[in-house]
Protein backbone atom coordinates (compact mmCIF):
# COMPACT_ATOMS: atom_id res chain seq x y z
CA MET A 1 -0.48 -5.56 -20.92
CA SER A 2 -3.87 -3.97 -21.01
CA ASP A 3 -5.02 -5.88 -17.88
CA ALA A 4 -1.59 -5.26 -15.87
CA VAL A 5 -2.99 -0.91 -16.70
CA ALA A 6 -5.94 -1.97 -15.23
CA ARG A 7 -4.59 -3.32 -12.08
CA LEU A 8 -2.82 0.11 -11.81
CA ALA A 9 -5.94 2.01 -11.70
CA PRO A 10 -6.77 4.51 -9.97
CA PHE A 11 -3.24 5.15 -8.48
CA VAL A 12 -1.25 5.21 -12.54
CA ALA A 13 -2.48 7.20 -14.82
CA VAL A 14 -1.21 5.48 -18.19
CA SER A 15 -0.79 6.79 -21.30
CA GLU A 16 1.09 5.76 -24.56
CA PRO A 17 4.60 6.44 -24.75
CA ASP A 18 6.47 8.75 -26.59
CA ALA A 19 9.88 6.92 -28.13
CA HIS A 20 11.28 10.64 -28.96
CA HIS A 21 10.88 12.69 -25.54
CA GLN A 22 10.96 9.71 -22.59
CA PRO A 23 14.06 10.60 -20.23
CA ASP A 24 17.13 8.57 -19.96
CA SER A 25 15.88 7.34 -16.90
CA THR A 26 12.82 5.85 -18.11
CA TRP A 27 12.27 1.65 -17.23
CA SER A 28 10.39 -1.16 -19.60
CA ILE A 29 8.93 -3.80 -18.51
CA GLN A 30 8.35 -6.80 -21.01
CA HIS A 31 7.38 -10.01 -20.89
CA SER A 32 9.37 -11.19 -23.85
CA ALA A 33 12.53 -13.71 -24.74
CA GLU A 34 14.14 -11.56 -26.73
CA ALA A 35 16.69 -9.97 -24.07
CA GLY A 36 18.83 -8.11 -27.04
CA ALA A 37 21.96 -7.67 -24.70
CA ASP A 38 24.83 -10.10 -24.37
CA SER A 39 23.76 -12.57 -21.44
CA ALA A 40 27.15 -11.01 -19.62
CA GLU A 41 25.42 -7.61 -19.50
CA LEU A 42 22.10 -9.14 -17.38
CA GLU A 43 21.29 -10.14 -13.95
CA HIS A 44 19.00 -12.97 -13.63
CA VAL A 45 16.94 -12.65 -10.05
CA THR A 46 14.03 -15.66 -8.89
CA ILE A 47 11.13 -13.96 -7.01
CA THR A 48 9.71 -16.45 -4.72
CA ALA A 49 6.71 -15.89 -2.37
CA PRO A 50 4.89 -18.28 -0.16
CA THR A 51 1.53 -17.64 -1.88
CA GLU A 52 2.80 -17.49 -5.47
CA PRO A 53 4.69 -19.08 -8.39
CA THR A 54 8.65 -18.84 -8.47
CA ALA A 55 9.55 -16.86 -10.92
CA THR A 56 12.69 -15.50 -12.64
CA LEU A 57 13.28 -11.45 -13.61
CA THR A 58 16.14 -10.74 -15.95
CA VAL A 59 17.26 -7.33 -15.34
CA ASP A 60 19.01 -5.37 -18.18
CA HIS A 61 20.66 -2.42 -16.18
CA ALA A 62 22.23 -0.79 -19.52
CA ARG A 63 19.03 -0.65 -20.69
CA ARG A 64 16.81 -0.03 -17.96
CA ARG A 65 14.25 -3.43 -18.60
CA LEU A 66 12.90 -5.97 -16.81
CA LEU A 67 12.20 -8.86 -19.02
CA LEU A 68 9.77 -11.30 -17.24
CA ASP A 69 9.99 -14.57 -17.61
CA PRO A 70 8.34 -16.15 -21.07
CA ALA A 71 7.17 -19.09 -19.61
CA CYS A 72 5.66 -17.69 -17.01
CA ALA A 73 1.34 -17.97 -17.38
CA LEU A 74 0.25 -14.30 -18.85
CA GLU A 75 -2.06 -14.02 -15.40
CA PHE A 76 0.66 -13.99 -13.37
CA ALA A 77 2.97 -11.70 -15.42
CA THR A 78 0.72 -9.34 -15.40
CA HIS A 79 0.13 -9.00 -11.89
CA LEU A 80 4.14 -8.78 -11.71
CA ALA A 81 4.22 -6.22 -14.50
CA ALA A 82 2.19 -3.84 -11.82
CA ARG A 83 3.47 -5.23 -8.76
CA TYR A 84 7.21 -3.78 -10.32
CA ALA A 85 5.44 -1.05 -12.48
CA ARG A 86 5.06 0.54 -8.44
CA ILE A 87 7.69 -0.47 -6.95
CA LEU A 88 9.92 1.49 -10.03
CA LEU A 89 7.25 4.40 -9.23
CA ARG A 90 7.80 4.54 -5.63
CA LEU A 91 12.00 4.20 -5.88
CA GLN A 92 12.00 6.97 -8.37
CA ARG A 93 9.38 9.21 -5.93
CA ALA A 94 11.84 8.18 -2.89
CA THR A 95 14.97 9.89 -4.26
CA ARG A 96 12.96 13.16 -3.37
CA ALA A 97 13.63 13.82 0.06
CA GLN A 98 9.86 15.71 0.37
CA GLU A 99 8.03 12.21 0.25
CA LEU A 100 8.12 10.15 3.17
CA PHE A 101 7.27 6.90 3.46
CA LEU A 102 4.59 4.94 5.87
CA HIS A 103 3.94 1.55 7.12
CA ALA A 104 0.67 2.64 7.01
CA GLY A 105 -3.24 2.10 5.69
CA MET A 106 -5.18 4.89 4.68
CA SER A 107 -8.81 5.47 4.56
CA ALA A 108 -10.93 8.97 3.46
CA THR A 109 -14.35 10.53 3.45
CA ALA A 110 -15.95 9.44 0.32
CA PRO A 111 -16.01 11.73 -3.26
CA GLY A 112 -18.88 13.91 -2.84
CA ALA A 113 -19.78 13.41 0.82
CA GLY A 114 -21.17 17.11 1.10
CA ARG A 115 -18.26 17.59 4.13
CA PRO A 116 -15.15 18.61 4.03
CA ASP A 117 -12.60 16.21 2.47
CA ARG A 118 -10.59 14.79 5.14
CA GLY A 119 -8.29 11.10 5.55
CA ILE A 120 -6.79 8.93 8.33
CA ALA A 121 -3.63 7.60 7.74
CA VAL A 122 -3.44 3.73 10.46
CA ILE A 123 0.17 3.87 11.28
CA GLY A 124 1.77 0.63 12.77
CA PRO A 125 3.99 -2.47 12.47
CA LYS A 126 2.74 -5.95 11.27
CA ARG A 127 -0.43 -7.14 13.16
CA ALA A 128 -1.48 -3.73 14.97
CA GLY A 129 -4.65 -3.61 13.67
CA LYS A 130 -3.54 -1.30 10.30
CA THR A 131 -6.29 -3.48 7.72
CA SER A 132 -8.41 -4.02 10.10
CA THR A 133 -9.19 -0.55 10.93
CA VAL A 134 -9.11 0.50 7.33
CA MET A 135 -11.66 -2.15 6.37
CA ALA A 136 -13.71 -1.44 9.50
CA THR A 137 -13.74 2.25 8.29
CA MET A 138 -14.96 1.14 5.28
CA ARG A 139 -17.70 -0.74 6.21
CA ALA A 140 -18.72 2.86 8.18
CA GLY A 141 -18.71 4.64 4.68
CA ALA A 142 -15.13 5.90 4.23
CA ALA A 143 -12.79 5.18 0.81
CA PHE A 144 -10.36 3.68 0.42
CA VAL A 145 -6.56 4.81 0.05
CA GLY A 146 -4.06 2.55 1.43
CA ASN A 147 -2.92 -0.53 3.01
CA ASP A 148 0.20 -1.10 4.62
CA ASP A 149 2.10 1.30 2.12
CA LEU A 150 1.49 5.05 2.52
CA SER A 151 3.61 7.86 0.90
CA VAL A 152 2.49 11.80 2.09
CA THR A 153 3.64 14.58 0.58
CA ARG A 154 3.25 18.44 1.91
CA SER A 155 2.47 21.82 0.11
CA PRO A 156 1.31 25.12 0.87
CA ASP A 157 -2.38 23.32 0.79
CA GLY A 158 -1.19 21.11 3.77
CA TRP A 159 -0.70 17.66 3.82
CA THR A 160 -1.85 14.63 1.06
CA GLY A 161 -1.67 11.06 1.40
CA HIS A 162 -0.98 8.80 -1.55
CA GLY A 163 -2.10 5.28 -2.21
CA TRP A 164 -0.27 2.57 -4.58
CA PRO A 165 -1.94 -0.23 -6.97
CA ARG A 166 -0.86 -2.97 -4.36
CA SER A 167 -2.99 -6.47 -2.95
CA VAL A 168 -4.62 -6.53 0.68
CA SER A 169 -3.63 -9.11 2.63
CA VAL A 170 -7.06 -9.86 5.16
CA ARG A 171 -6.40 -12.34 7.83
CA SER A 172 -9.74 -14.78 7.01
CA ASP A 173 -10.91 -13.51 10.93
CA THR A 174 -11.19 -10.14 10.17
CA PHE A 175 -13.92 -10.79 8.11
CA THR A 176 -15.73 -12.66 10.81
CA ALA A 177 -15.05 -9.62 12.98
CA LEU A 178 -16.35 -6.99 10.94
CA GLY A 179 -20.11 -9.51 9.44
CA VAL A 180 -18.61 -9.70 6.27
CA ALA A 181 -19.00 -13.30 4.46
CA PRO A 182 -15.10 -14.04 2.96
CA PRO A 183 -14.85 -13.74 -0.47
CA GLU A 184 -14.61 -17.21 -2.71
CA ARG A 185 -12.25 -15.85 -5.81
CA SER A 186 -10.09 -13.21 -6.38
CA ALA A 187 -8.39 -11.22 -9.13
CA HIS A 188 -5.63 -12.06 -7.39
CA PRO A 189 -3.31 -14.80 -8.48
CA ALA A 190 -2.07 -16.52 -5.45
CA ARG A 191 -2.13 -20.01 -4.52
CA PRO A 192 -5.07 -21.14 -2.89
CA PRO A 193 -3.75 -23.65 0.80
CA GLY A 194 -2.36 -26.62 -0.25
CA PRO A 195 -2.94 -30.15 1.13
CA GLY A 196 -2.39 -30.07 4.97
CA GLU A 197 -2.58 -26.15 4.66
CA GLN A 198 -5.32 -24.54 7.22
CA ALA A 199 -8.51 -22.78 4.59
CA GLY A 200 -9.63 -20.89 7.76
CA GLY A 201 -8.56 -19.71 10.71
CA THR A 202 -6.37 -16.89 9.88
CA ALA A 203 -4.99 -18.02 7.05
CA PRO A 204 -4.75 -14.75 4.65
CA VAL A 205 -6.96 -13.39 1.87
CA MET A 206 -5.71 -11.85 -0.84
CA LEU A 207 -7.78 -8.72 -2.80
CA LEU A 208 -7.30 -6.09 -5.09
CA PRO A 209 -8.63 -2.87 -3.86
CA ALA A 210 -11.58 -2.36 -5.90
CA GLU A 211 -12.66 -6.11 -5.23
CA LEU A 212 -11.99 -5.20 -1.49
CA ALA A 213 -14.62 -1.58 -1.46
CA SER A 214 -16.70 -3.95 -3.53
CA LEU A 215 -16.65 -6.62 -0.87
CA LEU A 216 -17.10 -3.87 2.07
CA ASP A 217 -20.06 -1.72 -0.21
CA ALA A 218 -17.58 1.01 0.33
CA PRO A 219 -17.38 3.36 -2.02
CA GLU A 220 -14.82 4.12 -4.85
CA VAL A 221 -10.98 3.58 -4.39
CA ARG A 222 -9.43 7.03 -4.15
CA PRO A 223 -6.01 7.44 -4.92
CA SER A 224 -5.11 9.95 -2.83
CA ALA A 225 -6.79 12.66 0.42
CA PRO A 226 -5.74 15.38 2.23
CA LEU A 227 -4.13 13.72 5.30
CA THR A 228 -5.84 14.92 8.21
CA ALA A 229 -5.04 12.81 11.13
CA LEU A 230 -2.32 9.97 12.19
CA VAL A 231 -3.73 7.41 14.04
CA PHE A 232 -2.14 4.76 15.94
CA PRO A 233 -4.05 1.80 16.47
CA ARG A 234 -3.70 -1.09 19.06
CA PHE A 235 -5.82 -3.79 20.49
CA VAL A 236 -7.17 -4.18 23.78
CA PRO A 237 -9.24 -7.11 25.21
CA ASP A 238 -12.53 -5.53 26.11
CA ALA A 239 -14.32 -3.95 23.52
CA ALA A 240 -15.54 -1.51 26.15
CA ASP A 241 -12.27 -0.67 26.52
CA THR A 242 -12.83 1.12 23.20
CA ALA A 243 -10.82 4.33 23.17
CA LEU A 244 -9.55 7.25 21.09
CA ARG A 245 -7.03 9.43 22.68
CA GLU A 246 -5.59 12.78 20.95
CA LEU A 247 -1.52 12.86 21.55
CA THR A 248 0.31 15.61 21.71
CA PRO A 249 3.10 16.56 19.04
CA GLY A 250 5.93 15.07 20.80
CA GLN A 251 3.95 11.87 21.42
CA THR A 252 3.71 11.59 17.82
CA ALA A 253 7.04 12.60 16.41
CA ARG A 254 7.99 9.59 18.74
CA ARG A 255 5.41 7.27 17.21
CA LEU A 256 6.31 8.55 13.95
CA ARG A 257 10.17 7.86 14.95
CA ARG A 258 9.42 4.38 16.03
CA GLU A 259 7.56 3.41 12.30
CA HIS A 260 10.99 4.78 10.10
CA PRO A 261 12.96 4.37 8.06
CA VAL A 262 10.67 2.38 5.96
CA HIS A 263 11.58 -0.14 3.53
CA VAL A 264 10.43 1.88 0.59
CA VAL A 265 10.13 -1.92 -1.65
CA LYS A 266 10.37 -5.65 -1.21
CA GLN A 267 12.35 -8.01 -3.66
CA ALA A 268 14.15 -5.38 -5.66
CA ASP A 269 17.35 -4.77 -4.39
CA PHE A 270 18.64 -4.99 -7.76
CA LEU A 271 17.44 -1.84 -8.84
CA LEU A 272 18.89 0.08 -5.31
CA SER A 273 21.84 1.36 -7.09
CA HIS A 274 19.80 3.43 -9.69
CA PHE A 275 17.74 5.23 -7.50
CA PRO A 276 19.60 6.87 -4.78
CA ARG A 277 17.44 8.02 -1.50
CA PRO A 278 18.06 11.18 0.68
CA SER A 279 20.51 10.95 3.71
CA PRO A 280 18.40 10.87 6.47
CA ALA A 281 19.26 14.48 7.54
CA GLU A 282 17.52 15.50 4.34
CA THR A 283 14.28 14.16 5.25
CA ASP A 284 14.20 14.80 8.92
CA GLU A 285 13.10 18.35 8.79
CA VAL A 286 9.74 16.63 7.14
CA TRP A 287 9.62 14.00 9.30
CA ARG A 288 9.39 16.95 12.11
CA LEU A 289 6.60 19.30 10.04
CA LEU A 290 4.69 16.01 9.82
CA ALA A 291 4.37 15.09 13.77
CA ALA A 292 3.41 18.85 14.48
CA GLU A 293 1.20 19.90 11.58
CA VAL A 294 -1.13 16.83 11.41
CA PRO A 295 -2.43 15.85 14.94
CA GLY A 296 -2.32 12.03 16.41
CA PHE A 297 -4.42 10.19 18.00
CA GLU A 298 -4.12 6.56 19.64
CA LEU A 299 -6.47 3.98 19.15
CA ALA A 300 -7.29 1.65 21.79
CA GLN A 301 -10.27 -1.06 20.29
CA SER A 302 -10.67 -4.83 20.95
CA PHE A 303 -10.31 -7.04 17.25
CA THR A 304 -14.37 -8.54 18.17
CA GLY A 305 -15.25 -4.82 18.37
CA LEU A 306 -13.81 -3.63 15.46
CA THR A 307 -16.92 -1.51 14.40
CA ALA A 308 -16.56 0.20 18.11
CA GLY A 309 -13.04 1.59 16.73
CA ALA A 310 -14.80 2.92 13.35
CA GLN A 311 -17.06 4.63 15.20
CA HIS A 312 -14.64 6.67 17.01
CA LEU A 313 -13.16 7.31 14.05
CA ARG A 314 -16.12 8.96 12.85
CA SER A 315 -15.41 11.96 15.11
CA LEU A 316 -12.19 12.54 12.78
CA TRP A 317 -14.38 12.93 9.41
CA ASN A 318 -17.04 14.61 11.31
């Protein structure tokens, strides 16, 4: 599906498969009625989400295939194909103890910005302000790397944050806070609000990363960037109280500990047996190094003063 390939860009490089050199662990995703296996060997999974059509996924565990419901509309099948490609890649990479998964977003310096290449991970639980903060930095000239899903790796050159190809759920009032008109439509196949459902207020708008960058006049989306700061946002009532405070490595470690273990994937429990995760003991040292080597900061900001918060974060790039 060429449209699914487009949805995976720029995070995933796609090439033509080589049938003679594919490892045994390779999975395929098909939009087909041809199962080609005994029905007793197949698992049928119903996928539901509040804003999406219900879909049936057939799992051929023996041949490592995911079969999308042939009755599923092509647009939504394309969306599911990209989603499960991301899920499979995340599960494969989660088998390595050296890769950590954060409940975080990330923005970074624009490509060719003429200054040191730096990236900021914005970490926190739901409604902590991750998406709002990333969007505010994009309005201030930063590039989008990720939202809600971030993995990080360590090398001799330092830490790198890796974004993942997934849609961004934006509260409608976030656009108002940033002085941006919400989009009229999106390539994401989410259902519009139904009869009696609220269309404005905090109702989420689903956008693809490239759509969000275009809407905010931000630089092109980056698949990864050097990770040079960890930011933990929290909301305060008054914009006058906006402040950026550096944390000690011990404080950063405690904040990180609150945010993991992370659910590497959702709606994919039926795949977990194929991808054994490393034990906490194997990853604890990597978490410790992250807190010790990447500086942490607490960002206090008002929801109506997101621009002021972004201006404080500019200091981490400059």
